[in-house]
Amino acid sequence: MVNFRRWLRHFFMPPWALRRAFPRSTLDVIEIAIRESETRHGGEIRFAIENSLLASWVWRGMTGRKRALEAFSFLRVWDTEHNSGVLVYLLLADRDIEIIADRGIAARVDPAAWEAVAHAMEAAFRQGEFERGALDGIRQIGSLLAEHFPPGRNNPDELPDRPVIVPGGYR
């Protein structure tokens, strides 16, 4: 069953909404927070933002979770030595955060912990506090990674720290 309101929200989502919520200065701050976080653990964090989905995808039932899994693969978050990559995916039209953890860290962290982080970020985003929500989420994810993947002597930066704007329509 198609959620018609959701379809309308995606169809009419203005392209500028993403830049309004995440201006360059906010993306810069998120990048710095990820880089600093990764000095305290052996994991990798990717932050991806997508403004909206194609209306035809919404019509066919594409969820934020399915799209996050595609982004996880496309962005190669799984491609770390210890399988400790974590993707934070924001579907702005739905204000939906999905956190996808690679198998190395997913085996050690209860899924409820990821859900708690996502819900806290979503609450901040609903209040229009995108930078605060993103930074709080990165800090919480960094704490989970530090607990289970402390940094070793050799702690390479395996994935880009810059948040990525997911272009609508890639597959």
C-alpha atoms as a PDB file:
ATOM      1  CA  MET A   1       0.000   0.000   0.000  1.00  0.00           C
ATOM      2  CA  VAL A   2       1.416   3.351  -1.026  1.00  0.00           C
ATOM      3  CA  ASN A   3       1.514   6.091   1.576  1.00  0.00           C
ATOM      4  CA  PHE A   4       0.202   8.958  -0.535  1.00  0.00           C
ATOM      5  CA  ARG A   5       1.413  11.653   1.885  1.00  0.00           C
ATOM      6  CA  ARG A   6       4.909  10.234   1.785  1.00  0.00           C
ATOM      7  CA  TRP A   7       4.801  10.103  -2.004  1.00  0.00           C
ATOM      8  CA  LEU A   8       3.745  13.777  -2.139  1.00  0.00           C
ATOM      9  CA  ARG A   9       6.468  14.766   0.327  1.00  0.00           C
ATOM     10  CA  HIS A  10       9.136  13.175  -1.872  1.00  0.00           C
ATOM     11  CA  PHE A  11       7.650  14.407  -5.143  1.00  0.00           C
ATOM     12  CA  PHE A  12       7.460  18.022  -3.969  1.00  0.00           C
ATOM     13  CA  MET A  13      10.641  18.133  -1.852  1.00  0.00           C
ATOM     14  CA  PRO A  14      12.533  21.198  -3.082  1.00  0.00           C
ATOM     15  CA  PRO A  15      16.166  20.592  -4.052  1.00  0.00           C
ATOM     16  CA  TRP A  16      17.313  23.531  -1.924  1.00  0.00           C
ATOM     17  CA  ALA A  17      15.966  21.964   1.291  1.00  0.00           C
ATOM     18  CA  LEU A  18      19.121  19.916   1.687  1.00  0.00           C
ATOM     19  CA  ARG A  19      21.441  22.942   1.466  1.00  0.00           C
ATOM     20  CA  ARG A  20      19.232  24.839   3.882  1.00  0.00           C
ATOM     21  CA  ALA A  21      19.442  22.050   6.477  1.00  0.00           C
ATOM     22  CA  PHE A  22      23.089  21.209   5.756  1.00  0.00           C
ATOM     23  CA  PRO A  23      24.981  24.250   4.475  1.00  0.00           C
ATOM     24  CA  ARG A  24      28.662  23.904   3.631  1.00  0.00           C
ATOM     25  CA  SER A  25      29.635  25.116   7.114  1.00  0.00           C
ATOM     26  CA  THR A  26      27.629  22.295   8.738  1.00  0.00           C
ATOM     27  CA  LEU A  27      29.154  19.720   6.387  1.00  0.00           C
ATOM     28  CA  ASP A  28      32.601  21.050   7.359  1.00  0.00           C
ATOM     29  CA  VAL A  29      31.815  20.687  11.078  1.00  0.00           C
ATOM     30  CA  ILE A  30      30.514  17.135  10.554  1.00  0.00           C
ATOM     31  CA  GLU A  31      33.663  16.214   8.629  1.00  0.00           C
ATOM     32  CA  ILE A  32      35.870  17.515  11.452  1.00  0.00           C
ATOM     33  CA  ALA A  33      33.801  15.648  14.061  1.00  0.00           C
ATOM     34  CA  ILE A  34      34.142  12.380  12.136  1.00  0.00           C
ATOM     35  CA  ARG A  35      37.903  12.862  11.677  1.00  0.00           C
ATOM     36  CA  GLU A  36      38.386  13.602  15.392  1.00  0.00           C
ATOM     37  CA  SER A  37      36.139  10.704  16.425  1.00  0.00           C
ATOM     38  CA  GLU A  38      38.128   8.255  14.319  1.00  0.00           C
ATOM     39  CA  THR A  39      41.316   9.067  16.255  1.00  0.00           C
ATOM     40  CA  ARG A  40      39.674   7.490  19.332  1.00  0.00           C
ATOM     41  CA  HIS A  41      38.595   4.173  17.805  1.00  0.00           C
ATOM     42  CA  GLY A  42      39.394   1.661  15.094  1.00  0.00           C
ATOM     43  CA  GLY A  43      36.114   2.117  13.226  1.00  0.00           C
ATOM     44  CA  GLU A  44      35.059   4.233  10.277  1.00  0.00           C
ATOM     45  CA  ILE A  45      32.020   6.519  10.098  1.00  0.00           C
ATOM     46  CA  ARG A  46      30.359   7.668   6.865  1.00  0.00           C
ATOM     47  CA  PHE A  47      27.590  10.259   6.889  1.00  0.00           C
ATOM     48  CA  ALA A  48      25.278  10.323   3.867  1.00  0.00           C
ATOM     49  CA  ILE A  49      22.381  12.661   3.175  1.00  0.00           C
ATOM     50  CA  GLU A  50      19.726  12.227   0.511  1.00  0.00           C
ATOM     51  CA  ASN A  51      17.153  14.951  -0.067  1.00  0.00           C
ATOM     52  CA  SER A  52      14.363  12.719  -1.392  1.00  0.00           C
ATOM     53  CA  LEU A  53      13.745   9.561  -3.345  1.00  0.00           C
ATOM     54  CA  LEU A  54      12.408   9.378  -6.850  1.00  0.00           C
ATOM     55  CA  ALA A  55       8.608   9.433  -6.645  1.00  0.00           C
ATOM     56  CA  SER A  56       8.464   6.171  -8.605  1.00  0.00           C
ATOM     57  CA  TRP A  57      10.633   4.472  -5.977  1.00  0.00           C
ATOM     58  CA  VAL A  58       8.376   5.688  -3.187  1.00  0.00           C
ATOM     59  CA  TRP A  59       5.365   4.464  -5.160  1.00  0.00           C
ATOM     60  CA  ARG A  60       6.956   1.016  -5.385  1.00  0.00           C
ATOM     61  CA  GLY A  61       7.672   0.938  -1.649  1.00  0.00           C
ATOM     62  CA  MET A  62      11.324   1.960  -1.355  1.00  0.00           C
ATOM     63  CA  THR A  63      12.015   2.580   2.320  1.00  0.00           C
ATOM     64  CA  GLY A  64      14.759   4.577   3.964  1.00  0.00           C
ATOM     65  CA  ARG A  65      16.219   1.329   5.295  1.00  0.00           C
ATOM     66  CA  LYS A  66      16.422  -0.247   1.816  1.00  0.00           C
ATOM     67  CA  ARG A  67      17.993   2.890   0.426  1.00  0.00           C
ATOM     68  CA  ALA A  68      20.500   3.021   3.287  1.00  0.00           C
ATOM     69  CA  LEU A  69      21.554  -0.545   2.518  1.00  0.00           C
ATOM     70  CA  GLU A  70      22.122   0.456  -1.111  1.00  0.00           C
ATOM     71  CA  ALA A  71      24.170   3.464   0.010  1.00  0.00           C
ATOM     72  CA  PHE A  72      26.175   1.250   2.388  1.00  0.00           C
ATOM     73  CA  SER A  73      27.191  -0.876  -0.577  1.00  0.00           C
ATOM     74  CA  PHE A  74      27.639   1.975  -3.069  1.00  0.00           C
ATOM     75  CA  LEU A  75      29.830   3.952  -0.642  1.00  0.00           C
ATOM     76  CA  ARG A  76      31.816   0.808   0.212  1.00  0.00           C
ATOM     77  CA  VAL A  77      31.363   1.221   3.956  1.00  0.00           C
ATOM     78  CA  TRP A  78      31.894  -2.538   4.237  1.00  0.00           C
ATOM     79  CA  ASP A  79      35.413  -2.152   2.818  1.00  0.00           C
ATOM     80  CA  THR A  80      37.407  -1.793   6.060  1.00  0.00           C
ATOM     81  CA  GLU A  81      40.022  -4.123   7.472  1.00  0.00           C
ATOM     82  CA  HIS A  82      38.064  -4.973  10.641  1.00  0.00           C
ATOM     83  CA  ASN A  83      34.552  -4.697   9.170  1.00  0.00           C
ATOM     84  CA  SER A  84      33.940  -1.820  11.556  1.00  0.00           C
ATOM     85  CA  GLY A  85      32.351   0.718   9.223  1.00  0.00           C
ATOM     86  CA  VAL A  86      29.156   2.508  10.212  1.00  0.00           C
ATOM     87  CA  LEU A  87      26.915   4.426   7.827  1.00  0.00           C
ATOM     88  CA  VAL A  88      24.657   7.188   9.078  1.00  0.00           C
ATOM     89  CA  TYR A  89      22.074   7.725   6.340  1.00  0.00           C
ATOM     90  CA  LEU A  90      19.596  10.596   6.456  1.00  0.00           C
ATOM     91  CA  LEU A  91      16.609  10.646   4.117  1.00  0.00           C
ATOM     92  CA  LEU A  92      15.675  14.287   4.550  1.00  0.00           C
ATOM     93  CA  ALA A  93      12.165  14.101   3.042  1.00  0.00           C
ATOM     94  CA  ASP A  94      11.213  11.572   5.735  1.00  0.00           C
ATOM     95  CA  ARG A  95      13.540  12.955   8.440  1.00  0.00           C
ATOM     96  CA  ASP A  96      14.545   9.310   8.746  1.00  0.00           C
ATOM     97  CA  ILE A  97      17.920   8.236  10.080  1.00  0.00           C
ATOM     98  CA  GLU A  98      19.143   4.742   9.346  1.00  0.00           C
ATOM     99  CA  ILE A  99      22.350   3.459  10.885  1.00  0.00           C
ATOM    100  CA  ILE A 100      23.915   0.512   9.102  1.00  0.00           C
ATOM    101  CA  ALA A 101      26.829  -1.170  10.855  1.00  0.00           C
ATOM    102  CA  ASP A 102      29.187  -3.602   9.168  1.00  0.00           C
ATOM    103  CA  ARG A 103      29.275  -7.147  10.481  1.00  0.00           C
ATOM    104  CA  GLY A 104      32.345  -6.657  12.711  1.00  0.00           C
ATOM    105  CA  ILE A 105      30.726  -3.975  14.836  1.00  0.00           C
ATOM    106  CA  ALA A 106      27.137  -5.192  14.386  1.00  0.00           C
ATOM    107  CA  ALA A 107      28.099  -8.461  16.093  1.00  0.00           C
ATOM    108  CA  ARG A 108      29.227  -6.531  19.179  1.00  0.00           C
ATOM    109  CA  VAL A 109      26.616  -3.787  19.538  1.00  0.00           C
ATOM    110  CA  ASP A 110      22.962  -4.438  20.325  1.00  0.00           C
ATOM    111  CA  PRO A 111      20.708  -3.149  17.523  1.00  0.00           C
ATOM    112  CA  ALA A 112      18.764  -1.209  20.165  1.00  0.00           C
ATOM    113  CA  ALA A 113      21.849   0.969  20.731  1.00  0.00           C
ATOM    114  CA  TRP A 114      21.897   1.990  17.058  1.00  0.00           C
ATOM    115  CA  GLU A 115      18.149   2.652  17.200  1.00  0.00           C
ATOM    116  CA  ALA A 116      18.576   4.873  20.260  1.00  0.00           C
ATOM    117  CA  VAL A 117      21.192   6.960  18.440  1.00  0.00           C
ATOM    118  CA  ALA A 118      18.966   7.241  15.359  1.00  0.00           C
ATOM    119  CA  HIS A 119      15.930   8.287  17.423  1.00  0.00           C
ATOM    120  CA  ALA A 120      17.918  10.965  19.254  1.00  0.00           C
ATOM    121  CA  MET A 121      19.154  12.353  15.934  1.00  0.00           C
ATOM    122  CA  GLU A 122      15.640  12.297  14.458  1.00  0.00           C
ATOM    123  CA  ALA A 123      14.330  14.223  17.480  1.00  0.00           C
ATOM    124  CA  ALA A 124      16.925  16.962  16.963  1.00  0.00           C
ATOM    125  CA  PHE A 125      16.174  17.086  13.242  1.00  0.00           C
ATOM    126  CA  ARG A 126      12.435  17.470  13.894  1.00  0.00           C
ATOM    127  CA  GLN A 127      13.345  20.598  15.888  1.00  0.00           C
ATOM    128  CA  GLY A 128      15.403  21.864  12.937  1.00  0.00           C
ATOM    129  CA  GLU A 129      18.687  21.322  14.797  1.00  0.00           C
ATOM    130  CA  PHE A 130      20.506  19.430  12.079  1.00  0.00           C
ATOM    131  CA  GLU A 131      24.063  20.272  13.101  1.00  0.00           C
ATOM    132  CA  ARG A 132      23.494  19.450  16.777  1.00  0.00           C
ATOM    133  CA  GLY A 133      21.706  16.199  15.912  1.00  0.00           C
ATOM    134  CA  ALA A 134      24.459  15.109  13.552  1.00  0.00           C
ATOM    135  CA  LEU A 135      27.244  15.932  16.013  1.00  0.00           C
ATOM    136  CA  ASP A 136      25.485  14.208  18.917  1.00  0.00           C
ATOM    137  CA  GLY A 137      24.965  11.117  16.749  1.00  0.00           C
ATOM    138  CA  ILE A 138      28.606  11.038  15.666  1.00  0.00           C
ATOM    139  CA  ARG A 139      29.721  11.378  19.290  1.00  0.00           C
ATOM    140  CA  GLN A 140      27.465   8.494  20.406  1.00  0.00           C
ATOM    141  CA  ILE A 141      28.548   6.262  17.512  1.00  0.00           C
ATOM    142  CA  GLY A 142      32.172   7.110  18.256  1.00  0.00           C
ATOM    143  CA  SER A 143      31.672   6.014  21.866  1.00  0.00           C
ATOM    144  CA  LEU A 144      30.205   2.679  20.762  1.00  0.00           C
ATOM    145  CA  LEU A 145      33.079   2.135  18.343  1.00  0.00           C
ATOM    146  CA  ALA A 146      35.698   3.089  20.963  1.00  0.00           C
ATOM    147  CA  GLU A 147      34.207   0.597  23.406  1.00  0.00           C
ATOM    148  CA  HIS A 148      34.436  -2.297  20.949  1.00  0.00           C
ATOM    149  CA  PHE A 149      37.211  -1.213  18.560  1.00  0.00           C
ATOM    150  CA  PRO A 150      39.839   0.771  20.458  1.00  0.00           C
ATOM    151  CA  PRO A 151      42.461   2.311  18.187  1.00  0.00           C
ATOM    152  CA  GLY A 152      45.479   0.183  17.534  1.00  0.00           C
ATOM    153  CA  ARG A 153      49.031   1.308  16.974  1.00  0.00           C
ATOM    154  CA  ASN A 154      48.237   1.573  13.294  1.00  0.00           C
ATOM    155  CA  ASN A 155      44.892   3.353  12.878  1.00  0.00           C
ATOM    156  CA  PRO A 156      44.518   4.247   9.193  1.00  0.00           C
ATOM    157  CA  ASP A 157      41.700   6.440   7.917  1.00  0.00           C
ATOM    158  CA  GLU A 158      40.151   3.935   5.495  1.00  0.00           C
ATOM    159  CA  LEU A 159      37.083   5.874   4.319  1.00  0.00           C
ATOM    160  CA  PRO A 160      36.489   9.556   3.499  1.00  0.00           C
ATOM    161  CA  ASP A 161      35.329  11.677   6.429  1.00  0.00           C
ATOM    162  CA  ARG A 162      33.440  14.234   4.324  1.00  0.00           C
ATOM    163  CA  PRO A 163      29.662  13.804   4.446  1.00  0.00           C
ATOM    164  CA  VAL A 164      28.325  12.736   1.072  1.00  0.00           C
ATOM    165  CA  ILE A 165      25.254  14.119  -0.618  1.00  0.00           C
ATOM    166  CA  VAL A 166      23.645  11.103  -2.250  1.00  0.00           C
ATOM    167  CA  PRO A 167      22.496  11.959  -5.748  1.00  0.00           C
ATOM    168  CA  GLY A 168      18.884  10.905  -6.241  1.00  0.00           C
ATOM    169  CA  GLY A 169      18.523   8.146  -8.749  1.00  0.00           C
ATOM    170  CA  TYR A 170      21.813   6.251  -8.462  1.00  0.00           C
ATOM    171  CA  ARG A 171      21.590   2.483  -8.324  1.00  0.00           C
END
